[in-house]
Amino acid sequence: MAWMLPILAAIETDADSKIGFIDKTGQLIIPAEYYSKGTWSGSFAEGLASVADEAGKYGFIDTSGQPAISFEYDYASYFSAGSKA
């Protein structure tokens, strides 16, 4: 399995447990508007991160925070070598 160093790190708000993402300088890149429900949720791999919406459905966002794969799944992990692991 090829691992990539993350380009963004997840942060979580205390008030509502939403996650956002910062870069290595600490600058907020993606505001805290998504949820993390599992081990791999909120981790970027191959430019995508699995996150959950308010209904608890998983989807994937890109490094700009835009949805790349719709929020319609009950579970999601990460991508490796171009495929979902």
C-alpha atoms as a PDB file:
ATOM      1  CA  MET A   1       0.000   0.000   0.000  1.00  0.00           C
ATOM      2  CA  ALA A   2       1.475   3.346  -1.004  1.00  0.00           C
ATOM      3  CA  TRP A   3       1.056   6.026   1.642  1.00  0.00           C
ATOM      4  CA  MET A   4       1.223   9.697   0.844  1.00  0.00           C
ATOM      5  CA  LEU A   5       2.097  12.387   3.340  1.00  0.00           C
ATOM      6  CA  PRO A   6      -1.015  14.441   4.045  1.00  0.00           C
ATOM      7  CA  ILE A   7      -1.096  17.891   2.533  1.00  0.00           C
ATOM      8  CA  LEU A   8      -3.858  18.993   4.898  1.00  0.00           C
ATOM      9  CA  ALA A   9      -4.587  18.054   8.483  1.00  0.00           C
ATOM     10  CA  ALA A  10      -8.068  17.719   9.974  1.00  0.00           C
ATOM     11  CA  ILE A  11      -9.117  19.952  12.864  1.00  0.00           C
ATOM     12  CA  GLU A  12     -12.251  19.513  14.942  1.00  0.00           C
ATOM     13  CA  THR A  13     -14.388  22.176  16.579  1.00  0.00           C
ATOM     14  CA  ASP A  14     -15.330  21.608  20.198  1.00  0.00           C
ATOM     15  CA  ALA A  15     -18.789  23.130  19.917  1.00  0.00           C
ATOM     16  CA  ASP A  16     -20.328  20.918  17.244  1.00  0.00           C
ATOM     17  CA  SER A  17     -17.666  18.297  16.386  1.00  0.00           C
ATOM     18  CA  LYS A  18     -17.411  19.479  12.791  1.00  0.00           C
ATOM     19  CA  ILE A  19     -14.074  19.095  11.034  1.00  0.00           C
ATOM     20  CA  GLY A  20     -12.167  21.410   8.768  1.00  0.00           C
ATOM     21  CA  PHE A  21      -8.637  21.331   7.409  1.00  0.00           C
ATOM     22  CA  ILE A  22      -5.454  23.349   7.860  1.00  0.00           C
ATOM     23  CA  ASP A  23      -2.222  23.346   5.887  1.00  0.00           C
ATOM     24  CA  LYS A  24       1.236  22.784   7.364  1.00  0.00           C
ATOM     25  CA  THR A  25       1.530  26.470   8.308  1.00  0.00           C
ATOM     26  CA  GLY A  26      -1.686  26.312  10.341  1.00  0.00           C
ATOM     27  CA  GLN A  27      -3.712  28.350   7.854  1.00  0.00           C
ATOM     28  CA  LEU A  28      -7.362  27.320   7.642  1.00  0.00           C
ATOM     29  CA  ILE A  29      -7.939  25.952   4.138  1.00  0.00           C
ATOM     30  CA  ILE A  30     -11.331  24.241   4.480  1.00  0.00           C
ATOM     31  CA  PRO A  31     -13.742  25.625   7.123  1.00  0.00           C
ATOM     32  CA  ALA A  32     -15.196  23.208   9.689  1.00  0.00           C
ATOM     33  CA  GLU A  33     -18.404  22.187   7.955  1.00  0.00           C
ATOM     34  CA  TYR A  34     -18.100  18.394   7.684  1.00  0.00           C
ATOM     35  CA  TYR A  35     -18.209  15.491  10.145  1.00  0.00           C
ATOM     36  CA  SER A  36     -15.745  12.680  10.801  1.00  0.00           C
ATOM     37  CA  LYS A  37     -17.289   9.346  11.768  1.00  0.00           C
ATOM     38  CA  GLY A  38     -14.457   6.843  11.534  1.00  0.00           C
ATOM     39  CA  THR A  39     -10.760   6.106  11.525  1.00  0.00           C
ATOM     40  CA  TRP A  40     -10.085   7.122   7.922  1.00  0.00           C
ATOM     41  CA  SER A  41     -12.693   9.830   7.731  1.00  0.00           C
ATOM     42  CA  GLY A  42     -11.078  13.212   7.398  1.00  0.00           C
ATOM     43  CA  SER A  43      -7.786  11.888   6.014  1.00  0.00           C
ATOM     44  CA  PHE A  44      -6.674  12.975   2.552  1.00  0.00           C
ATOM     45  CA  ALA A  45      -5.297  10.351   0.179  1.00  0.00           C
ATOM     46  CA  GLU A  46      -4.756  10.953  -3.514  1.00  0.00           C
ATOM     47  CA  GLY A  47      -6.338  14.398  -3.184  1.00  0.00           C
ATOM     48  CA  LEU A  48      -9.625  13.216  -1.630  1.00  0.00           C
ATOM     49  CA  ALA A  49     -10.903  12.903   1.939  1.00  0.00           C
ATOM     50  CA  SER A  50     -13.933  10.972   3.110  1.00  0.00           C
ATOM     51  CA  VAL A  51     -16.183  13.081   5.315  1.00  0.00           C
ATOM     52  CA  ALA A  52     -19.796  12.903   6.409  1.00  0.00           C
ATOM     53  CA  ASP A  53     -22.608  15.414   6.023  1.00  0.00           C
ATOM     54  CA  GLU A  54     -25.209  16.407   8.657  1.00  0.00           C
ATOM     55  CA  ALA A  55     -27.336  13.360   7.748  1.00  0.00           C
ATOM     56  CA  GLY A  56     -24.376  11.046   8.464  1.00  0.00           C
ATOM     57  CA  LYS A  57     -23.853  10.073   4.836  1.00  0.00           C
ATOM     58  CA  TYR A  58     -20.296   9.835   3.520  1.00  0.00           C
ATOM     59  CA  GLY A  59     -18.886  11.476   0.451  1.00  0.00           C
ATOM     60  CA  PHE A  60     -15.489  12.741  -0.652  1.00  0.00           C
ATOM     61  CA  ILE A  61     -14.149  16.281  -0.876  1.00  0.00           C
ATOM     62  CA  ASP A  62     -11.129  17.566  -2.749  1.00  0.00           C
ATOM     63  CA  THR A  63      -8.363  19.738  -1.294  1.00  0.00           C
ATOM     64  CA  SER A  64     -10.388  22.898  -1.954  1.00  0.00           C
ATOM     65  CA  GLY A  65     -13.304  21.542   0.117  1.00  0.00           C
ATOM     66  CA  GLN A  66     -15.582  20.960  -2.847  1.00  0.00           C
ATOM     67  CA  PRO A  67     -17.566  17.703  -3.025  1.00  0.00           C
ATOM     68  CA  ALA A  68     -15.884  15.331  -5.474  1.00  0.00           C
ATOM     69  CA  ILE A  69     -18.062  12.260  -4.820  1.00  0.00           C
ATOM     70  CA  SER A  70     -21.633  12.750  -3.594  1.00  0.00           C
ATOM     71  CA  PHE A  71     -22.722  12.224   0.005  1.00  0.00           C
ATOM     72  CA  GLU A  72     -24.739   9.044  -0.351  1.00  0.00           C
ATOM     73  CA  TYR A  73     -22.743   6.282   1.334  1.00  0.00           C
ATOM     74  CA  ASP A  74     -23.095   4.608   4.730  1.00  0.00           C
ATOM     75  CA  TYR A  75     -19.341   3.957   4.968  1.00  0.00           C
ATOM     76  CA  ALA A  76     -16.201   5.190   3.219  1.00  0.00           C
ATOM     77  CA  SER A  77     -12.479   4.738   3.775  1.00  0.00           C
ATOM     78  CA  TYR A  78      -9.697   6.152   1.565  1.00  0.00           C
ATOM     79  CA  PHE A  79      -8.208   5.915  -1.907  1.00  0.00           C
ATOM     80  CA  SER A  80      -4.985   4.053  -2.684  1.00  0.00           C
ATOM     81  CA  ALA A  81      -3.482   3.669  -6.155  1.00  0.00           C
ATOM     82  CA  GLY A  82      -6.593   5.230  -7.677  1.00  0.00           C
ATOM     83  CA  SER A  83      -9.082   2.846  -6.033  1.00  0.00           C
ATOM     84  CA  LYS A  84     -11.119   3.045  -2.853  1.00  0.00           C
ATOM     85  CA  ALA A  85      -9.445   0.848  -0.240  1.00  0.00           C
END
